[in-house]
C-alpha atoms as a PDB file:
ATOM      1  CA  MET A   1    -102.950  65.620 -24.251  1.00  0.00           C
ATOM      2  CA  PRO A   2    -102.605  64.999 -20.499  1.00  0.00           C
ATOM      3  CA  ASN A   3    -102.624  61.248 -21.140  1.00  0.00           C
ATOM      4  CA  ARG A   4     -99.890  61.481 -23.689  1.00  0.00           C
ATOM      5  CA  SER A   5     -97.761  63.627 -21.229  1.00  0.00           C
ATOM      6  CA  HIS A   6     -98.321  61.129 -18.436  1.00  0.00           C
ATOM      7  CA  SER A   7     -97.342  58.188 -20.752  1.00  0.00           C
ATOM      8  CA  PHE A   8     -94.080  59.957 -21.685  1.00  0.00           C
ATOM      9  CA  ILE A   9     -93.255  60.578 -18.078  1.00  0.00           C
ATOM     10  CA  LYS A  10     -93.958  56.906 -17.243  1.00  0.00           C
ATOM     11  CA  THR A  11     -91.788  55.793 -20.142  1.00  0.00           C
ATOM     12  CA  LEU A  12     -88.949  58.096 -19.069  1.00  0.00           C
ATOM     13  CA  SER A  13     -89.232  56.909 -15.540  1.00  0.00           C
ATOM     14  CA  ARG A  14     -88.980  53.330 -16.642  1.00  0.00           C
ATOM     15  CA  ALA A  15     -85.986  54.060 -18.775  1.00  0.00           C
ATOM     16  CA  PHE A  16     -84.288  55.723 -15.762  1.00  0.00           C
ATOM     17  CA  CYS A  17     -84.955  52.749 -13.635  1.00  0.00           C
ATOM     18  CA  LEU A  18     -83.583  50.391 -16.216  1.00  0.00           C
ATOM     19  CA  SER A  19     -80.445  52.614 -16.495  1.00  0.00           C
ATOM     20  CA  ALA A  20     -80.082  52.659 -12.781  1.00  0.00           C
ATOM     21  CA  ALA A  21     -80.558  48.909 -12.598  1.00  0.00           C
ATOM     22  CA  ALA A  22     -77.915  48.427 -15.348  1.00  0.00           C
ATOM     23  CA  LEU A  23     -75.487  50.833 -13.598  1.00  0.00           C
ATOM     24  CA  PHE A  24     -76.021  49.029 -10.286  1.00  0.00           C
ATOM     25  CA  LEU A  25     -75.460  45.672 -11.930  1.00  0.00           C
ATOM     26  CA  SER A  26     -72.331  46.887 -13.638  1.00  0.00           C
ATOM     27  CA  ALA A  27     -71.012  48.323 -10.399  1.00  0.00           C
ATOM     28  CA  SER A  28     -71.823  45.095  -8.542  1.00  0.00           C
ATOM     29  CA  ASN A  29     -69.912  43.111 -11.172  1.00  0.00           C
ATOM     30  CA  ASN A  30     -66.939  45.359 -10.893  1.00  0.00           C
ATOM     31  CA  ALA A  31     -66.906  45.034  -7.138  1.00  0.00           C
ATOM     32  CA  TRP A  32     -67.216  41.250  -7.367  1.00  0.00           C
ATOM     33  CA  ALA A  33     -64.324  41.360  -9.820  1.00  0.00           C
ATOM     34  CA  LEU A  34     -62.171  43.446  -7.569  1.00  0.00           C
ATOM     35  CA  PHE A  35     -63.042  41.224  -4.649  1.00  0.00           C
ATOM     36  CA  ALA A  36     -62.118  38.108  -6.639  1.00  0.00           C
ATOM     37  CA  ASP A  37     -58.810  39.559  -7.828  1.00  0.00           C
ATOM     38  CA  ASP A  38     -57.814  40.504  -4.216  1.00  0.00           C
ATOM     39  CA  ASP A  39     -58.537  37.157  -2.994  1.00  0.00           C
ATOM     40  CA  ALA A  40     -56.615  35.546  -5.721  1.00  0.00           C
ATOM     41  CA  ARG A  41     -53.566  37.771  -4.986  1.00  0.00           C
ATOM     42  CA  LYS A  42     -53.765  36.891  -1.272  1.00  0.00           C
ATOM     43  CA  ALA A  43     -54.003  33.221  -2.159  1.00  0.00           C
ATOM     44  CA  ILE A  44     -50.942  33.483  -4.498  1.00  0.00           C
ATOM     45  CA  LEU A  45     -48.991  35.394  -1.702  1.00  0.00           C
ATOM     46  CA  GLU A  46     -50.005  32.714   0.795  1.00  0.00           C
ATOM     47  CA  LEU A  47     -48.897  29.941  -1.605  1.00  0.00           C
ATOM     48  CA  ARG A  48     -45.637  31.732  -2.260  1.00  0.00           C
ATOM     49  CA  LYS A  49     -45.041  32.155   1.393  1.00  0.00           C
ATOM     50  CA  SER A  50     -45.913  28.474   2.004  1.00  0.00           C
ATOM     51  CA  PHE A  51     -43.570  27.431  -0.745  1.00  0.00           C
ATOM     52  CA  ALA A  52     -40.696  29.658   0.523  1.00  0.00           C
ATOM     53  CA  THR A  53     -41.096  28.202   3.976  1.00  0.00           C
ATOM     54  CA  ALA A  54     -41.218  24.640   2.633  1.00  0.00           C
ATOM     55  CA  GLN A  55     -38.168  25.277   0.440  1.00  0.00           C
ATOM     56  CA  MET A  56     -36.249  26.672   3.486  1.00  0.00           C
ATOM     57  CA  ASP A  57     -37.284  23.668   5.586  1.00  0.00           C
ATOM     58  CA  LEU A  58     -36.104  21.409   2.777  1.00  0.00           C
ATOM     59  CA  GLN A  59     -32.809  23.254   2.477  1.00  0.00           C
ATOM     60  CA  ASN A  60     -32.280  23.046   6.276  1.00  0.00           C
ATOM     61  CA  GLN A  61     -33.029  19.224   6.117  1.00  0.00           C
ATOM     62  CA  ILE A  62     -30.587  18.904   3.181  1.00  0.00           C
ATOM     63  CA  GLU A  63     -27.881  20.797   5.204  1.00  0.00           C
ATOM     64  CA  LYS A  64     -28.548  18.667   8.295  1.00  0.00           C
ATOM     65  CA  LEU A  65     -28.202  15.489   6.162  1.00  0.00           C
ATOM     66  CA  LYS A  66     -24.921  16.727   4.660  1.00  0.00           C
ATOM     67  CA  SER A  67     -23.647  17.447   8.266  1.00  0.00           C
ATOM     68  CA  ASP A  68     -24.833  14.019   9.507  1.00  0.00           C
ATOM     69  CA  ASN A  69     -23.209  12.371   6.438  1.00  0.00           C
ATOM     70  CA  ALA A  70     -19.935  14.116   7.049  1.00  0.00           C
ATOM     71  CA  GLU A  71     -20.015  13.160  10.697  1.00  0.00           C
ATOM     72  CA  LEU A  72     -20.813   9.561   9.857  1.00  0.00           C
ATOM     73  CA  ARG A  73     -17.971   9.557   7.193  1.00  0.00           C
ATOM     74  CA  GLY A  74     -15.638  10.840   9.834  1.00  0.00           C
ATOM     75  CA  LYS A  75     -16.683   8.026  12.191  1.00  0.00           C
ATOM     76  CA  ILE A  76     -16.309   5.506   9.455  1.00  0.00           C
ATOM     77  CA  GLU A  77     -12.727   6.690   8.644  1.00  0.00           C
ATOM     78  CA  ASN A  78     -11.896   6.776  12.260  1.00  0.00           C
ATOM     79  CA  LEU A  79     -13.040   3.171  12.652  1.00  0.00           C
ATOM     80  CA  GLU A  80     -11.015   2.213   9.501  1.00  0.00           C
ATOM     81  CA  LYS A  81      -7.968   3.873  10.937  1.00  0.00           C
ATOM     82  CA  GLN A  82      -8.521   2.033  14.220  1.00  0.00           C
ATOM     83  CA  GLY A  83      -8.851  -1.151  12.333  1.00  0.00           C
ATOM     84  CA  GLU A  84      -5.689  -0.605  10.421  1.00  0.00           C
ATOM     85  CA  ASP A  85      -3.772   0.189  13.692  1.00  0.00           C
ATOM     86  CA  ILE A  86      -5.174  -2.939  15.316  1.00  0.00           C
ATOM     87  CA  ASN A  87      -4.072  -4.979  12.215  1.00  0.00           C
ATOM     88  CA  THR A  88      -0.661  -3.466  12.427  1.00  0.00           C
ATOM     89  CA  SER A  89      -0.403  -4.075  16.073  1.00  0.00           C
ATOM     90  CA  GLN A  90      -1.559  -7.597  15.753  1.00  0.00           C
ATOM     91  CA  LYS A  91       0.953  -8.270  12.888  1.00  0.00           C
ATOM     92  CA  THR A  92       3.832  -6.729  15.016  1.00  0.00           C
ATOM     93  CA  TYR A  93       2.666  -8.803  17.967  1.00  0.00           C
ATOM     94  CA  TYR A  94       2.614 -12.124  16.132  1.00  0.00           C
ATOM     95  CA  GLN A  95       5.865 -11.375  14.379  1.00  0.00           C
ATOM     96  CA  ASP A  96       7.460 -10.671  17.641  1.00  0.00           C
ATOM     97  CA  LEU A  97       5.816 -13.789  19.217  1.00  0.00           C
ATOM     98  CA  ASP A  98       7.000 -15.739  16.176  1.00  0.00           C
ATOM     99  CA  THR A  99      10.570 -14.516  16.669  1.00  0.00           C
ATOM    100  CA  ARG A 100      10.449 -15.316  20.365  1.00  0.00           C
ATOM    101  CA  LEU A 101       9.124 -18.814  19.724  1.00  0.00           C
ATOM    102  CA  GLY A 102      11.916 -19.288  17.146  1.00  0.00           C
ATOM    103  CA  ASN A 103      14.342 -18.804  19.838  1.00  0.00           C
ATOM    104  CA  PHE A 104      12.944 -21.755  21.843  1.00  0.00           C
ATOM    105  CA  GLU A 105      11.525 -24.098  19.151  1.00  0.00           C
ATOM    106  CA  PRO A 106      12.924 -25.679  16.049  1.00  0.00           C
ATOM    107  CA  ARG A 107      11.322 -24.264  12.798  1.00  0.00           C
ATOM    108  CA  THR A 108      11.519 -25.058   9.000  1.00  0.00           C
ATOM    109  CA  GLU A 109      12.963 -22.247   6.870  1.00  0.00           C
ATOM    110  CA  THR A 110      14.149 -21.818   3.359  1.00  0.00           C
ATOM    111  CA  ILE A 111      17.346 -19.747   3.051  1.00  0.00           C
ATOM    112  CA  GLU A 112      18.303 -18.792  -0.592  1.00  0.00           C
ATOM    113  CA  GLY A 113      16.723 -21.853  -1.963  1.00  0.00           C
ATOM    114  CA  ILE A 114      17.913 -24.308   0.740  1.00  0.00           C
ATOM    115  CA  SER A 115      15.272 -25.645   3.075  1.00  0.00           C
ATOM    116  CA  GLY A 116      15.885 -27.169   6.456  1.00  0.00           C
ATOM    117  CA  THR A 117      15.266 -27.113  10.209  1.00  0.00           C
ATOM    118  CA  VAL A 118      16.606 -24.154  12.154  1.00  0.00           C
ATOM    119  CA  GLN A 119      17.317 -24.925  15.792  1.00  0.00           C
ATOM    120  CA  PRO A 120      16.914 -22.447  18.705  1.00  0.00           C
ATOM    121  CA  GLY A 121      19.735 -19.922  18.721  1.00  0.00           C
ATOM    122  CA  GLU A 122      20.963 -21.037  15.237  1.00  0.00           C
ATOM    123  CA  LYS A 123      20.177 -17.925  13.379  1.00  0.00           C
ATOM    124  CA  LYS A 124      21.669 -15.732  16.057  1.00  0.00           C
ATOM    125  CA  ALA A 125      24.984 -17.629  15.839  1.00  0.00           C
ATOM    126  CA  TYR A 126      25.030 -17.132  12.062  1.00  0.00           C
ATOM    127  CA  ASP A 127      24.122 -13.382  12.399  1.00  0.00           C
ATOM    128  CA  ASP A 128      26.830 -12.787  15.058  1.00  0.00           C
ATOM    129  CA  ALA A 129      29.431 -14.214  12.683  1.00  0.00           C
ATOM    130  CA  LEU A 130      28.186 -12.178   9.850  1.00  0.00           C
ATOM    131  CA  LYS A 131      28.192  -9.001  11.898  1.00  0.00           C
ATOM    132  CA  ALA A 132      31.856  -9.678  12.760  1.00  0.00           C
ATOM    133  CA  PHE A 133      32.675 -10.104   8.992  1.00  0.00           C
ATOM    134  CA  GLN A 134      30.794  -6.811   8.183  1.00  0.00           C
ATOM    135  CA  ALA A 135      32.687  -5.026  11.012  1.00  0.00           C
ATOM    136  CA  GLY A 136      36.039  -6.233   9.596  1.00  0.00           C
ATOM    137  CA  SER A 137      36.808  -8.682  12.345  1.00  0.00           C
ATOM    138  CA  LEU A 138      37.743 -11.317   9.766  1.00  0.00           C
ATOM    139  CA  ARG A 139      39.452 -13.707  12.155  1.00  0.00           C
ATOM    140  CA  LYS A 140      36.470 -13.608  14.545  1.00  0.00           C
ATOM    141  CA  ALA A 141      34.089 -13.987  11.765  1.00  0.00           C
ATOM    142  CA  ASP A 142      35.954 -17.020  10.374  1.00  0.00           C
ATOM    143  CA  GLU A 143      35.974 -18.702  13.760  1.00  0.00           C
ATOM    144  CA  GLY A 144      32.274 -17.953  14.097  1.00  0.00           C
ATOM    145  CA  PHE A 145      31.355 -19.394  10.709  1.00  0.00           C
ATOM    146  CA  SER A 146      33.532 -22.528  11.189  1.00  0.00           C
ATOM    147  CA  ALA A 147      31.976 -23.119  14.609  1.00  0.00           C
ATOM    148  CA  PHE A 148      28.550 -22.707  13.068  1.00  0.00           C
ATOM    149  CA  VAL A 149      29.167 -25.316  10.417  1.00  0.00           C
ATOM    150  CA  ASN A 150      30.483 -27.837  12.969  1.00  0.00           C
ATOM    151  CA  ARG A 151      27.562 -27.267  15.364  1.00  0.00           C
ATOM    152  CA  TYR A 152      24.779 -27.134  12.740  1.00  0.00           C
ATOM    153  CA  PRO A 153      25.882 -29.314   9.760  1.00  0.00           C
ATOM    154  CA  LYS A 154      22.350 -29.706   8.463  1.00  0.00           C
ATOM    155  CA  SER A 155      21.372 -26.097   8.713  1.00  0.00           C
ATOM    156  CA  PRO A 156      19.937 -24.240   5.672  1.00  0.00           C
ATOM    157  CA  TYR A 157      22.578 -21.507   6.636  1.00  0.00           C
ATOM    158  CA  VAL A 158      25.549 -23.910   6.003  1.00  0.00           C
ATOM    159  CA  PRO A 159      26.109 -22.794   2.369  1.00  0.00           C
ATOM    160  CA  LEU A 160      26.259 -19.074   3.430  1.00  0.00           C
ATOM    161  CA  ALA A 161      28.474 -19.965   6.434  1.00  0.00           C
ATOM    162  CA  LEU A 162      30.859 -21.839   4.135  1.00  0.00           C
ATOM    163  CA  PHE A 163      30.749 -18.943   1.565  1.00  0.00           C
ATOM    164  CA  TRP A 164      31.624 -16.307   4.184  1.00  0.00           C
ATOM    165  CA  SER A 165      34.075 -18.465   5.840  1.00  0.00           C
ATOM    166  CA  GLY A 166      35.959 -18.919   2.634  1.00  0.00           C
ATOM    167  CA  ASN A 167      35.917 -15.098   1.978  1.00  0.00           C
ATOM    168  CA  SER A 168      37.141 -14.504   5.539  1.00  0.00           C
ATOM    169  CA  LYS A 169      40.053 -16.917   5.020  1.00  0.00           C
ATOM    170  CA  TYR A 170      40.923 -15.253   1.681  1.00  0.00           C
ATOM    171  CA  ALA A 171      40.694 -11.760   3.161  1.00  0.00           C
ATOM    172  CA  ASN A 172      43.141 -13.046   6.079  1.00  0.00           C
ATOM    173  CA  LYS A 173      45.446 -14.402   3.254  1.00  0.00           C
ATOM    174  CA  ASP A 174      44.766 -17.930   4.310  1.00  0.00           C
ATOM    175  CA  TYR A 175      44.535 -19.028   0.735  1.00  0.00           C
ATOM    176  CA  THR A 176      44.896 -22.857   1.332  1.00  0.00           C
ATOM    177  CA  GLY A 177      42.044 -22.646   3.925  1.00  0.00           C
ATOM    178  CA  ALA A 178      39.953 -20.475   1.530  1.00  0.00           C
ATOM    179  CA  ILE A 179      40.413 -22.855  -1.399  1.00  0.00           C
ATOM    180  CA  ALA A 180      39.358 -25.890   0.728  1.00  0.00           C
ATOM    181  CA  GLN A 181      36.348 -24.151   2.143  1.00  0.00           C
ATOM    182  CA  LEU A 182      35.111 -22.860  -1.165  1.00  0.00           C
ATOM    183  CA  GLN A 183      35.681 -26.169  -2.992  1.00  0.00           C
ATOM    184  CA  SER A 184      33.696 -27.821  -0.288  1.00  0.00           C
ATOM    185  CA  LEU A 185      30.786 -25.367  -0.838  1.00  0.00           C
ATOM    186  CA  ILE A 186      30.905 -25.820  -4.577  1.00  0.00           C
ATOM    187  CA  LYS A 187      30.938 -29.580  -4.302  1.00  0.00           C
ATOM    188  CA  ARG A 188      28.119 -29.810  -1.825  1.00  0.00           C
ATOM    189  CA  TYR A 189      25.806 -27.145  -3.262  1.00  0.00           C
ATOM    190  CA  PRO A 190      26.623 -26.856  -7.048  1.00  0.00           C
ATOM    191  CA  THR A 191      23.284 -25.020  -7.887  1.00  0.00           C
ATOM    192  CA  HIS A 192      23.400 -22.482  -4.924  1.00  0.00           C
ATOM    193  CA  PRO A 193      23.116 -18.925  -6.104  1.00  0.00           C
ATOM    194  CA  ARG A 194      26.333 -17.962  -4.341  1.00  0.00           C
ATOM    195  CA  ILE A 195      28.436 -20.412  -6.580  1.00  0.00           C
ATOM    196  CA  PRO A 196      29.564 -17.901  -9.155  1.00  0.00           C
ATOM    197  CA  SER A 197      30.848 -15.500  -6.591  1.00  0.00           C
ATOM    198  CA  ALA A 198      32.404 -18.499  -4.617  1.00  0.00           C
ATOM    199  CA  MET A 199      34.209 -19.667  -7.731  1.00  0.00           C
ATOM    200  CA  LEU A 200      35.511 -16.130  -8.305  1.00  0.00           C
ATOM    201  CA  THR A 201      37.034 -16.011  -4.798  1.00  0.00           C
ATOM    202  CA  LEU A 202      38.396 -19.451  -5.304  1.00  0.00           C
ATOM    203  CA  GLY A 203      40.092 -18.475  -8.619  1.00  0.00           C
ATOM    204  CA  ASN A 204      41.652 -15.410  -6.811  1.00  0.00           C
ATOM    205  CA  ALA A 205      42.805 -17.613  -3.976  1.00  0.00           C
ATOM    206  CA  GLN A 206      44.434 -19.993  -6.488  1.00  0.00           C
ATOM    207  CA  LEU A 207      45.960 -17.080  -8.268  1.00  0.00           C
ATOM    208  CA  GLU A 208      47.362 -15.523  -5.116  1.00  0.00           C
ATOM    209  CA  SER A 209      48.794 -18.834  -3.945  1.00  0.00           C
ATOM    210  CA  GLY A 210      50.684 -19.078  -7.252  1.00  0.00           C
ATOM    211  CA  ASN A 211      48.607 -21.654  -9.067  1.00  0.00           C
ATOM    212  CA  LYS A 212      47.908 -19.834 -12.334  1.00  0.00           C
ATOM    213  CA  ALA A 213      46.782 -22.962 -14.106  1.00  0.00           C
ATOM    214  CA  ALA A 214      44.052 -23.761 -11.500  1.00  0.00           C
ATOM    215  CA  ALA A 215      43.033 -20.066 -11.447  1.00  0.00           C
ATOM    216  CA  LYS A 216      42.599 -20.015 -15.294  1.00  0.00           C
ATOM    217  CA  LYS A 217      40.597 -23.242 -15.215  1.00  0.00           C
ATOM    218  CA  THR A 218      38.305 -21.757 -12.480  1.00  0.00           C
ATOM    219  CA  PHE A 219      37.820 -18.471 -14.382  1.00  0.00           C
ATOM    220  CA  THR A 220      37.114 -20.329 -17.599  1.00  0.00           C
ATOM    221  CA  GLU A 221      34.540 -22.541 -15.860  1.00  0.00           C
ATOM    222  CA  ILE A 222      32.782 -19.415 -14.407  1.00  0.00           C
ATOM    223  CA  ILE A 223      32.391 -17.946 -17.909  1.00  0.00           C
ATOM    224  CA  SER A 224      31.164 -21.219 -19.473  1.00  0.00           C
ATOM    225  CA  LYS A 225      28.832 -22.321 -16.600  1.00  0.00           C
ATOM    226  CA  HIS A 226      27.560 -18.892 -15.412  1.00  0.00           C
ATOM    227  CA  PRO A 227      27.908 -16.570 -18.492  1.00  0.00           C
ATOM    228  CA  ASP A 228      25.232 -13.997 -17.522  1.00  0.00           C
ATOM    229  CA  THR A 229      26.633 -13.128 -14.061  1.00  0.00           C
ATOM    230  CA  GLU A 230      28.766 -10.384 -12.714  1.00  0.00           C
ATOM    231  CA  ALA A 231      31.283 -12.981 -11.650  1.00  0.00           C
ATOM    232  CA  ALA A 232      31.645 -13.980 -15.361  1.00  0.00           C
ATOM    233  CA  LYS A 233      32.460 -10.479 -16.346  1.00  0.00           C
ATOM    234  CA  ASP A 234      35.019 -10.175 -13.573  1.00  0.00           C
ATOM    235  CA  ALA A 235      36.438 -13.588 -14.462  1.00  0.00           C
ATOM    236  CA  GLN A 236      37.000 -12.505 -18.132  1.00  0.00           C
ATOM    237  CA  LYS A 237      39.002  -9.483 -16.961  1.00  0.00           C
ATOM    238  CA  LEU A 238      41.055 -11.583 -14.562  1.00  0.00           C
ATOM    239  CA  LEU A 239      41.665 -14.202 -17.200  1.00  0.00           C
ATOM    240  CA  ALA A 240      42.889 -11.596 -19.725  1.00  0.00           C
ATOM    241  CA  ALA A 241      45.283 -10.237 -17.085  1.00  0.00           C
ATOM    242  CA  ILE A 242      46.882 -13.536 -16.340  1.00  0.00           C
ATOM    243  CA  LYS A 243      50.220 -13.957 -18.210  1.00  0.00           C
END
C-alpha cells in the first residue's frame, strides 16, 4: 500500500513537472513572438523614416533642378536677346555704312525694273526733286527733274524723272512741254511700269491743249495695250466724255 501511494505521488510530481515545462515553453514562445513583432515594427518604422527622408531629399533635388533649369533658361533667353540686339545693331550699322559709301562710290541698282549705275549724290538729287513735287513746288520740281535727266542721262532713275517732270509740266499747264516729255518717256521705255499712267497724263495734256483726236487715240491705245490697269478704266471714262 505504501509503495502504491509513493508511485502515485511520483507520477503526480512528474505530471506537474511536465505541465510546468509545457507552460514555461509556451510562455517562452509567446515572449519570443512578442520580441520578434516589436523588432519588426521598429524595422518597419525605421524603413518608413528612411523612405520619407529619401523622398524628401529627392523632392529637394527635383526642386533644385527645376530652379537651376529655370535660371539656365533665363540665361539662354537673355543670350538670345543679346544676339538679336547684336544682329539688329550690325544690320543697322552695315545699312548706314552702305548708305554712306553710296554717297561716295558708284553702285549698281535696279529701280522699277531698270538697272544701271548710280553715281554719288544721284539719288539725293532725284529725292530732292521728288520732295519738291510732293510739297506742291511744281516749278522747282520740274527744274530739278530736268536737271537730273541732263546730268545723269544713263541713270536708272531717268524714267521716273521723265515721268514726274511730265506731270509737273502738266500741273503747271505747260501742255506742250508735258506732251514732249511724256512722249520721250514712252518711246525710250515702252515696257516701264509707269507707261499706262504716263499715257493717261499725255492724253489729258493733248485734250487740254485742244487736240481731241490725239487724246482719243492715246486713250484708245491705253485701253487696248493696258486693259487691266487703273489707267485703262480712267481712259474709258475720259473717252466716253469726249464729244
